Amino acid sequence: MTILDTIIAHKYREVAAKKQVFPIPVLERSRHFSRETISMAAGLRNSETGIIAEHKRRSPSKSVINEKVMIQEVAKGYEDAGASAMSVLTDTHFFGGSLEDLLVARSVTGLPLLRKEFIVDPYQVYEAKAYGTDAILLIAACLSEKELKDLSSLAKSLNLDVLLEVHNREELERSLLPTVDMLGVNNRNLKTFDVSLETSKTLSAHIPEDFVKVSESGISSTEAIIELKSYGYEGFLIGEHFMKTSKPGESARTFIRKLK
């Protein structure tokens, strides 16, 4: 069993328990559920840098990354630095995140917020809306073609943008859906956790112009972004490079200034 298999099995159990405590009608009564969302896809299209700065405390591959810095400090720092959007990891068991992190980030920043999560159930899409999200991540490796269609359609009905993550050509070909706004190429192999930017370069030619192209993982230099832009990428998800420092916001500011 791979780490991805382990995470997904845990996620099904977690979601089943949550449904009993906070059913969907309760989520629909939250104050953020009627909030007008911000289009992350449009923001990336119109952005000079396309940086999606991530908040991530730990990961299965790197263990602890940064558990000391406060989420509100990170969110405000990213916005002040000029990031185009912010990604918030909400998985608790494997990544140390929480839905409360979304609420805190929403309270201090006007950036589009992406819920970075292993979404396997429609409940999690309603949950994302209730906690102030503007966009959700769907991972092709975790979902069937029908699930991708159903979950992305639900997201669009709730005015949420959809970032659909792929790792190879096969996943990409079943992800070209009209209910998807952004196609993200993850440079990290979810089975081995090896990273290579060649994945983004190779798949770029197969992504239609209708989608915002996003490159994810393993981006740690402005040179890499400049190169990826030549392949049509408009969004660049960066997490560990900023979060491994004591002041992620300042790290992002330095990076973005150099990129400009």
C-alpha atoms as a PDB file:
ATOM      1  CA  MET A   1       0.000   0.000   0.000  1.00  0.00           C
ATOM      2  CA  THR A   2       1.379   3.417  -1.012  1.00  0.00           C
ATOM      3  CA  ILE A   3       1.223   6.512   1.200  1.00  0.00           C
ATOM      4  CA  LEU A   4      -1.517   7.814  -1.109  1.00  0.00           C
ATOM      5  CA  ASP A   5      -3.579   4.666  -0.536  1.00  0.00           C
ATOM      6  CA  THR A   6      -3.123   5.082   3.212  1.00  0.00           C
ATOM      7  CA  ILE A   7      -4.202   8.730   3.113  1.00  0.00           C
ATOM      8  CA  ILE A   8      -7.312   8.012   1.035  1.00  0.00           C
ATOM      9  CA  ALA A   9      -8.415   5.121   3.254  1.00  0.00           C
ATOM     10  CA  HIS A  10      -8.067   7.384   6.289  1.00  0.00           C
ATOM     11  CA  LYS A  11      -9.953  10.177   4.506  1.00  0.00           C
ATOM     12  CA  TYR A  12     -13.019   8.009   3.874  1.00  0.00           C
ATOM     13  CA  ARG A  13     -13.199   7.166   7.586  1.00  0.00           C
ATOM     14  CA  GLU A  14     -12.690  10.788   8.554  1.00  0.00           C
ATOM     15  CA  VAL A  15     -15.432  12.076   6.266  1.00  0.00           C
ATOM     16  CA  ALA A  16     -17.910   9.444   7.457  1.00  0.00           C
ATOM     17  CA  ALA A  17     -17.409  10.605  11.034  1.00  0.00           C
ATOM     18  CA  LYS A  18     -17.738  14.300  10.134  1.00  0.00           C
ATOM     19  CA  LYS A  19     -21.044  13.731   8.361  1.00  0.00           C
ATOM     20  CA  GLN A  20     -22.549  12.524  11.618  1.00  0.00           C
ATOM     21  CA  VAL A  21     -21.469  15.607  13.576  1.00  0.00           C
ATOM     22  CA  PHE A  22     -21.866  18.377  10.968  1.00  0.00           C
ATOM     23  CA  PRO A  23     -24.356  17.269   8.282  1.00  0.00           C
ATOM     24  CA  ILE A  24     -24.593  19.303   5.075  1.00  0.00           C
ATOM     25  CA  PRO A  25     -27.633  21.384   6.207  1.00  0.00           C
ATOM     26  CA  VAL A  26     -25.511  22.637   9.099  1.00  0.00           C
ATOM     27  CA  LEU A  27     -22.681  23.575   6.726  1.00  0.00           C
ATOM     28  CA  GLU A  28     -25.125  25.443   4.499  1.00  0.00           C
ATOM     29  CA  ARG A  29     -26.060  27.704   7.401  1.00  0.00           C
ATOM     30  CA  SER A  30     -22.498  28.892   7.953  1.00  0.00           C
ATOM     31  CA  ARG A  31     -21.808  32.594   7.401  1.00  0.00           C
ATOM     32  CA  HIS A  32     -19.334  31.930   4.596  1.00  0.00           C
ATOM     33  CA  PHE A  33     -21.678  29.716   2.578  1.00  0.00           C
ATOM     34  CA  SER A  34     -23.412  32.702   0.974  1.00  0.00           C
ATOM     35  CA  ARG A  35     -20.179  34.651   0.533  1.00  0.00           C
ATOM     36  CA  GLU A  36     -19.319  35.791  -3.003  1.00  0.00           C
ATOM     37  CA  THR A  37     -16.224  33.870  -4.036  1.00  0.00           C
ATOM     38  CA  ILE A  38     -13.114  35.212  -5.781  1.00  0.00           C
ATOM     39  CA  SER A  39     -12.029  33.498  -8.992  1.00  0.00           C
ATOM     40  CA  MET A  40      -8.583  32.034  -8.488  1.00  0.00           C
ATOM     41  CA  ALA A  41      -8.358  31.130 -12.182  1.00  0.00           C
ATOM     42  CA  ALA A  42      -9.086  34.695 -13.295  1.00  0.00           C
ATOM     43  CA  GLY A  43      -6.605  35.978 -10.750  1.00  0.00           C
ATOM     44  CA  LEU A  44      -3.849  33.799 -12.175  1.00  0.00           C
ATOM     45  CA  ARG A  45      -4.676  34.810 -15.742  1.00  0.00           C
ATOM     46  CA  ASN A  46      -4.264  38.470 -14.792  1.00  0.00           C
ATOM     47  CA  SER A  47      -1.297  38.053 -12.460  1.00  0.00           C
ATOM     48  CA  GLU A  48       2.242  39.190 -13.133  1.00  0.00           C
ATOM     49  CA  THR A  49       3.782  36.345 -11.123  1.00  0.00           C
ATOM     50  CA  GLY A  50       1.120  33.628 -10.687  1.00  0.00           C
ATOM     51  CA  ILE A  51       2.475  32.578  -7.295  1.00  0.00           C
ATOM     52  CA  ILE A  52       0.153  30.350  -5.252  1.00  0.00           C
ATOM     53  CA  ALA A  53       1.832  30.458  -1.851  1.00  0.00           C
ATOM     54  CA  GLU A  54       1.060  27.532   0.431  1.00  0.00           C
ATOM     55  CA  HIS A  55       0.673  27.044   4.155  1.00  0.00           C
ATOM     56  CA  LYS A  56       1.876  23.563   5.097  1.00  0.00           C
ATOM     57  CA  ARG A  57       3.069  22.500   8.554  1.00  0.00           C
ATOM     58  CA  ARG A  58       4.367  19.038   7.700  1.00  0.00           C
ATOM     59  CA  SER A  59       4.173  16.293   5.089  1.00  0.00           C
ATOM     60  CA  PRO A  60       4.695  12.518   4.911  1.00  0.00           C
ATOM     61  CA  SER A  61       7.816  13.050   2.794  1.00  0.00           C
ATOM     62  CA  LYS A  62       9.486  15.823   4.826  1.00  0.00           C
ATOM     63  CA  SER A  63       8.007  15.328   8.312  1.00  0.00           C
ATOM     64  CA  VAL A  64       7.897  18.685  10.140  1.00  0.00           C
ATOM     65  CA  ILE A  65       8.329  21.715   7.875  1.00  0.00           C
ATOM     66  CA  ASN A  66       7.191  24.564  10.128  1.00  0.00           C
ATOM     67  CA  GLU A  67       4.838  24.166  13.080  1.00  0.00           C
ATOM     68  CA  LYS A  68       5.804  27.403  14.844  1.00  0.00           C
ATOM     69  CA  VAL A  69       4.638  30.217  12.598  1.00  0.00           C
ATOM     70  CA  MET A  70       1.005  31.363  12.991  1.00  0.00           C
ATOM     71  CA  ILE A  71      -1.364  30.947  10.045  1.00  0.00           C
ATOM     72  CA  GLN A  72      -2.570  34.563  10.255  1.00  0.00           C
ATOM     73  CA  GLU A  73       1.025  35.781  10.015  1.00  0.00           C
ATOM     74  CA  VAL A  74       1.647  33.569   6.986  1.00  0.00           C
ATOM     75  CA  ALA A  75      -1.562  34.593   5.205  1.00  0.00           C
ATOM     76  CA  LYS A  76      -1.008  38.314   5.723  1.00  0.00           C
ATOM     77  CA  GLY A  77       2.657  37.940   4.783  1.00  0.00           C
ATOM     78  CA  TYR A  78       1.801  36.190   1.530  1.00  0.00           C
ATOM     79  CA  GLU A  79      -0.720  38.861   0.579  1.00  0.00           C
ATOM     80  CA  ASP A  80       1.698  41.684   1.398  1.00  0.00           C
ATOM     81  CA  ALA A  81       4.403  39.901  -0.599  1.00  0.00           C
ATOM     82  CA  GLY A  82       2.269  39.988  -3.741  1.00  0.00           C
ATOM     83  CA  ALA A  83       1.157  36.363  -4.023  1.00  0.00           C
ATOM     84  CA  SER A  84      -1.715  35.752  -6.450  1.00  0.00           C
ATOM     85  CA  ALA A  85      -3.470  33.171  -4.266  1.00  0.00           C
ATOM     86  CA  MET A  86      -2.956  31.100  -1.137  1.00  0.00           C
ATOM     87  CA  SER A  87      -3.177  27.346  -0.731  1.00  0.00           C
ATOM     88  CA  VAL A  88      -4.164  26.029   2.693  1.00  0.00           C
ATOM     89  CA  LEU A  89      -3.606  22.368   3.541  1.00  0.00           C
ATOM     90  CA  THR A  90      -6.513  21.224   5.680  1.00  0.00           C
ATOM     91  CA  ASP A  91      -5.597  17.571   6.271  1.00  0.00           C
ATOM     92  CA  THR A  92      -4.835  17.100   9.962  1.00  0.00           C
ATOM     93  CA  HIS A  93      -3.548  13.553  10.328  1.00  0.00           C
ATOM     94  CA  PHE A  94      -0.803  13.634   7.693  1.00  0.00           C
ATOM     95  CA  PHE A  95      -0.126  17.340   7.138  1.00  0.00           C
ATOM     96  CA  GLY A  96      -1.009  19.017  10.435  1.00  0.00           C
ATOM     97  CA  GLY A  97      -3.578  21.363   8.897  1.00  0.00           C
ATOM     98  CA  SER A  98      -7.214  22.065   9.725  1.00  0.00           C
ATOM     99  CA  LEU A  99     -10.359  23.700   8.430  1.00  0.00           C
ATOM    100  CA  GLU A 100      -9.870  26.323  11.125  1.00  0.00           C
ATOM    101  CA  ASP A 101      -6.729  27.378   9.240  1.00  0.00           C
ATOM    102  CA  LEU A 102      -8.996  28.330   6.347  1.00  0.00           C
ATOM    103  CA  LEU A 103     -11.209  30.422   8.609  1.00  0.00           C
ATOM    104  CA  VAL A 104      -8.233  32.267  10.054  1.00  0.00           C
ATOM    105  CA  ALA A 105      -6.700  32.874   6.631  1.00  0.00           C
ATOM    106  CA  ARG A 106     -10.060  34.094   5.313  1.00  0.00           C
ATOM    107  CA  SER A 107     -10.334  36.577   8.172  1.00  0.00           C
ATOM    108  CA  VAL A 108      -7.013  38.297   7.425  1.00  0.00           C
ATOM    109  CA  THR A 109      -6.567  38.159   3.639  1.00  0.00           C
ATOM    110  CA  GLY A 110      -8.467  39.002   0.505  1.00  0.00           C
ATOM    111  CA  LEU A 111      -6.481  36.533  -1.590  1.00  0.00           C
ATOM    112  CA  PRO A 112      -8.313  33.690  -3.345  1.00  0.00           C
ATOM    113  CA  LEU A 113      -8.003  30.650  -1.077  1.00  0.00           C
ATOM    114  CA  LEU A 114      -7.483  27.115  -2.345  1.00  0.00           C
ATOM    115  CA  ARG A 115      -8.486  24.246  -0.089  1.00  0.00           C
ATOM    116  CA  LYS A 116      -5.637  21.743  -0.506  1.00  0.00           C
ATOM    117  CA  GLU A 117      -7.156  18.452   0.533  1.00  0.00           C
ATOM    118  CA  PHE A 118      -7.691  14.859  -0.553  1.00  0.00           C
ATOM    119  CA  ILE A 119     -11.308  15.276  -1.651  1.00  0.00           C
ATOM    120  CA  VAL A 120     -13.146  11.986  -2.116  1.00  0.00           C
ATOM    121  CA  ASP A 121     -16.727  12.888  -1.198  1.00  0.00           C
ATOM    122  CA  PRO A 122     -19.233  15.654  -2.120  1.00  0.00           C
ATOM    123  CA  TYR A 123     -19.447  16.482   1.584  1.00  0.00           C
ATOM    124  CA  GLN A 124     -15.933  17.945   1.453  1.00  0.00           C
ATOM    125  CA  VAL A 125     -16.945  20.344  -1.328  1.00  0.00           C
ATOM    126  CA  TYR A 126     -19.796  21.717   0.802  1.00  0.00           C
ATOM    127  CA  GLU A 127     -17.347  21.871   3.688  1.00  0.00           C
ATOM    128  CA  ALA A 128     -14.890  23.894   1.598  1.00  0.00           C
ATOM    129  CA  LYS A 129     -17.597  26.412   0.722  1.00  0.00           C
ATOM    130  CA  ALA A 130     -18.671  26.697   4.352  1.00  0.00           C
ATOM    131  CA  TYR A 131     -15.156  27.521   5.515  1.00  0.00           C
ATOM    132  CA  GLY A 132     -14.492  30.379   3.112  1.00  0.00           C
ATOM    133  CA  THR A 133     -12.737  28.639   0.220  1.00  0.00           C
ATOM    134  CA  ASP A 134     -12.662  30.073  -3.309  1.00  0.00           C
ATOM    135  CA  ALA A 135     -11.263  26.996  -5.074  1.00  0.00           C
ATOM    136  CA  ILE A 136     -10.838  23.303  -4.386  1.00  0.00           C
ATOM    137  CA  LEU A 137      -8.217  20.786  -5.410  1.00  0.00           C
ATOM    138  CA  LEU A 138      -9.255  17.520  -7.039  1.00  0.00           C
ATOM    139  CA  ILE A 139      -6.591  14.856  -7.525  1.00  0.00           C
ATOM    140  CA  ALA A 140      -7.081  12.631 -10.568  1.00  0.00           C
ATOM    141  CA  ALA A 141      -5.030   9.828  -9.000  1.00  0.00           C
ATOM    142  CA  CYS A 142      -7.632   9.540  -6.211  1.00  0.00           C
ATOM    143  CA  LEU A 143     -10.820   9.678  -8.260  1.00  0.00           C
ATOM    144  CA  SER A 144     -12.646   7.907 -11.078  1.00  0.00           C
ATOM    145  CA  GLU A 145     -13.725   9.814 -14.185  1.00  0.00           C
ATOM    146  CA  LYS A 146     -17.306   9.913 -12.892  1.00  0.00           C
ATOM    147  CA  GLU A 147     -16.167  11.228  -9.524  1.00  0.00           C
ATOM    148  CA  LEU A 148     -14.114  13.939 -11.229  1.00  0.00           C
ATOM    149  CA  LYS A 149     -17.180  15.011 -13.230  1.00  0.00           C
ATOM    150  CA  ASP A 150     -19.566  14.905 -10.266  1.00  0.00           C
ATOM    151  CA  LEU A 151     -17.293  16.698  -7.795  1.00  0.00           C
ATOM    152  CA  SER A 152     -16.207  19.396 -10.249  1.00  0.00           C
ATOM    153  CA  SER A 153     -19.832  19.993 -11.291  1.00  0.00           C
ATOM    154  CA  LEU A 154     -20.851  20.349  -7.653  1.00  0.00           C
ATOM    155  CA  ALA A 155     -18.023  22.811  -7.062  1.00  0.00           C
ATOM    156  CA  LYS A 156     -19.104  24.959 -10.002  1.00  0.00           C
ATOM    157  CA  SER A 157     -22.710  24.945  -8.740  1.00  0.00           C
ATOM    158  CA  LEU A 158     -21.348  26.448  -5.507  1.00  0.00           C
ATOM    159  CA  ASN A 159     -19.289  29.044  -7.435  1.00  0.00           C
ATOM    160  CA  LEU A 160     -15.988  27.427  -6.512  1.00  0.00           C
ATOM    161  CA  ASP A 161     -13.122  27.219  -8.983  1.00  0.00           C
ATOM    162  CA  VAL A 162     -11.612  23.786  -9.607  1.00  0.00           C
ATOM    163  CA  LEU A 163      -7.907  22.980  -9.785  1.00  0.00           C
ATOM    164  CA  LEU A 164      -7.580  19.435 -11.096  1.00  0.00           C
ATOM    165  CA  GLU A 165      -4.218  17.838 -10.409  1.00  0.00           C
ATOM    166  CA  VAL A 166      -2.630  15.274 -12.707  1.00  0.00           C
ATOM    167  CA  HIS A 167       0.663  13.384 -12.749  1.00  0.00           C
ATOM    168  CA  ASN A 168       0.719  11.757 -16.188  1.00  0.00           C
ATOM    169  CA  ARG A 169      -0.852  11.717 -19.666  1.00  0.00           C
ATOM    170  CA  GLU A 170      -3.527   9.157 -18.788  1.00  0.00           C
ATOM    171  CA  GLU A 171      -4.796  11.238 -15.869  1.00  0.00           C
ATOM    172  CA  LEU A 172      -4.699  14.378 -17.986  1.00  0.00           C
ATOM    173  CA  GLU A 173      -6.802  12.931 -20.790  1.00  0.00           C
ATOM    174  CA  ARG A 174      -9.680  12.098 -18.449  1.00  0.00           C
ATOM    175  CA  SER A 175      -9.465  15.472 -16.719  1.00  0.00           C
ATOM    176  CA  LEU A 176     -10.289  17.767 -19.659  1.00  0.00           C
ATOM    177  CA  LEU A 177     -13.718  18.656 -18.320  1.00  0.00           C
ATOM    178  CA  PRO A 178     -15.763  21.847 -18.895  1.00  0.00           C
ATOM    179  CA  THR A 179     -16.253  22.083 -15.128  1.00  0.00           C
ATOM    180  CA  VAL A 180     -12.506  22.401 -14.518  1.00  0.00           C
ATOM    181  CA  ASP A 181     -10.859  25.848 -14.487  1.00  0.00           C
ATOM    182  CA  MET A 182      -7.214  25.026 -13.823  1.00  0.00           C
ATOM    183  CA  LEU A 183      -5.131  21.974 -14.687  1.00  0.00           C
ATOM    184  CA  GLY A 184      -2.316  21.417 -12.239  1.00  0.00           C
ATOM    185  CA  VAL A 185       0.648  19.226 -13.065  1.00  0.00           C
ATOM    186  CA  ASN A 186       2.200  17.850  -9.897  1.00  0.00           C
ATOM    187  CA  ASN A 187       5.919  17.382 -10.364  1.00  0.00           C
ATOM    188  CA  ARG A 188       5.982  15.075  -7.344  1.00  0.00           C
ATOM    189  CA  ASN A 189       5.251  11.401  -7.892  1.00  0.00           C
ATOM    190  CA  LEU A 190       2.638  10.611  -5.226  1.00  0.00           C
ATOM    191  CA  LYS A 191       3.861   7.032  -4.987  1.00  0.00           C
ATOM    192  CA  THR A 192       7.599   7.645  -4.652  1.00  0.00           C
ATOM    193  CA  PHE A 193       7.585  11.388  -3.750  1.00  0.00           C
ATOM    194  CA  ASP A 194      10.406  11.971  -6.262  1.00  0.00           C
ATOM    195  CA  VAL A 195      10.218  15.422  -7.910  1.00  0.00           C
ATOM    196  CA  SER A 196      10.996  16.490 -11.493  1.00  0.00           C
ATOM    197  CA  LEU A 197       9.956  19.653 -13.367  1.00  0.00           C
ATOM    198  CA  GLU A 198      10.169  17.611 -16.563  1.00  0.00           C
ATOM    199  CA  THR A 199       6.670  16.356 -15.740  1.00  0.00           C
ATOM    200  CA  SER A 200       5.238  19.859 -16.217  1.00  0.00           C
ATOM    201  CA  LYS A 201       7.246  20.427 -19.376  1.00  0.00           C
ATOM    202  CA  THR A 202       6.212  17.127 -20.939  1.00  0.00           C
ATOM    203  CA  LEU A 203       2.491  17.483 -20.226  1.00  0.00           C
ATOM    204  CA  SER A 204       2.203  21.175 -21.115  1.00  0.00           C
ATOM    205  CA  ALA A 205       1.691  20.528 -24.830  1.00  0.00           C
ATOM    206  CA  HIS A 206      -1.344  18.352 -24.090  1.00  0.00           C
ATOM    207  CA  ILE A 207      -3.228  20.944 -22.005  1.00  0.00           C
ATOM    208  CA  PRO A 208      -5.706  23.004 -24.080  1.00  0.00           C
ATOM    209  CA  GLU A 209      -5.546  26.799 -23.798  1.00  0.00           C
ATOM    210  CA  ASP A 210      -9.023  26.807 -22.203  1.00  0.00           C
ATOM    211  CA  PHE A 211      -7.436  25.794 -18.918  1.00  0.00           C
ATOM    212  CA  VAL A 212      -5.124  27.797 -16.699  1.00  0.00           C
ATOM    213  CA  LYS A 213      -1.921  25.761 -16.483  1.00  0.00           C
ATOM    214  CA  VAL A 214      -0.523  25.362 -12.974  1.00  0.00           C
ATOM    215  CA  SER A 215       2.788  23.718 -12.065  1.00  0.00           C
ATOM    216  CA  GLU A 216       2.939  22.234  -8.572  1.00  0.00           C
ATOM    217  CA  SER A 217       5.741  21.009  -6.290  1.00  0.00           C
ATOM    218  CA  GLY A 218       9.500  21.227  -6.536  1.00  0.00           C
ATOM    219  CA  ILE A 219       9.603  24.893  -7.567  1.00  0.00           C
ATOM    220  CA  SER A 220      12.327  26.658  -5.607  1.00  0.00           C
ATOM    221  CA  SER A 221      13.850  29.221  -7.977  1.00  0.00           C
ATOM    222  CA  THR A 222      12.701  32.132 -10.100  1.00  0.00           C
ATOM    223  CA  GLU A 223      14.618  30.587 -12.998  1.00  0.00           C
ATOM    224  CA  ALA A 224      12.327  27.551 -12.863  1.00  0.00           C
ATOM    225  CA  ILE A 225       9.249  29.784 -13.079  1.00  0.00           C
ATOM    226  CA  ILE A 226      10.635  31.765 -16.007  1.00  0.00           C
ATOM    227  CA  GLU A 227      11.317  28.504 -17.816  1.00  0.00           C
ATOM    228  CA  LEU A 228       7.873  27.078 -17.018  1.00  0.00           C
ATOM    229  CA  LYS A 229       6.200  30.264 -18.270  1.00  0.00           C
ATOM    230  CA  SER A 230       7.694  29.537 -21.671  1.00  0.00           C
ATOM    231  CA  TYR A 231       5.654  26.303 -21.598  1.00  0.00           C
ATOM    232  CA  GLY A 232       2.432  28.246 -21.006  1.00  0.00           C
ATOM    233  CA  TYR A 233       2.153  27.963 -17.232  1.00  0.00           C
ATOM    234  CA  GLU A 234       0.391  30.826 -15.449  1.00  0.00           C
ATOM    235  CA  GLY A 235       0.230  29.450 -11.911  1.00  0.00           C
ATOM    236  CA  PHE A 236       3.007  28.132  -9.673  1.00  0.00           C
ATOM    237  CA  LEU A 237       2.204  26.438  -6.383  1.00  0.00           C
ATOM    238  CA  ILE A 238       5.038  26.898  -3.897  1.00  0.00           C
ATOM    239  CA  GLY A 239       4.934  25.597  -0.343  1.00  0.00           C
ATOM    240  CA  GLU A 240       8.005  24.130   1.262  1.00  0.00           C
ATOM    241  CA  HIS A 241      10.355  26.736  -0.202  1.00  0.00           C
ATOM    242  CA  PHE A 242       8.584  29.458   1.796  1.00  0.00           C
ATOM    243  CA  MET A 243       7.380  27.438   4.765  1.00  0.00           C
ATOM    244  CA  LYS A 244      10.764  25.964   5.649  1.00  0.00           C
ATOM    245  CA  THR A 245      11.907  29.469   6.661  1.00  0.00           C
ATOM    246  CA  SER A 246      11.117  31.180   9.958  1.00  0.00           C
ATOM    247  CA  LYS A 247       9.236  33.952   8.124  1.00  0.00           C
ATOM    248  CA  PRO A 248       7.398  32.555   5.085  1.00  0.00           C
ATOM    249  CA  GLY A 249       5.910  35.936   4.152  1.00  0.00           C
ATOM    250  CA  GLU A 250       9.306  37.601   3.960  1.00  0.00           C
ATOM    251  CA  SER A 251      10.682  34.639   2.023  1.00  0.00           C
ATOM    252  CA  ALA A 252       7.821  35.013  -0.467  1.00  0.00           C
ATOM    253  CA  ARG A 253       8.425  38.760  -0.732  1.00  0.00           C
ATOM    254  CA  THR A 254      12.119  38.263  -1.573  1.00  0.00           C
ATOM    255  CA  PHE A 255      11.251  35.570  -4.121  1.00  0.00           C
ATOM    256  CA  ILE A 256       8.532  37.618  -5.825  1.00  0.00           C
ATOM    257  CA  ARG A 257      10.685  40.761  -5.995  1.00  0.00           C
ATOM    258  CA  LYS A 258      13.389  38.749  -7.724  1.00  0.00           C
ATOM    259  CA  LEU A 259      10.861  37.252 -10.129  1.00  0.00           C
ATOM    260  CA  LYS A 260       9.561  40.693 -11.097  1.00  0.00           C
END
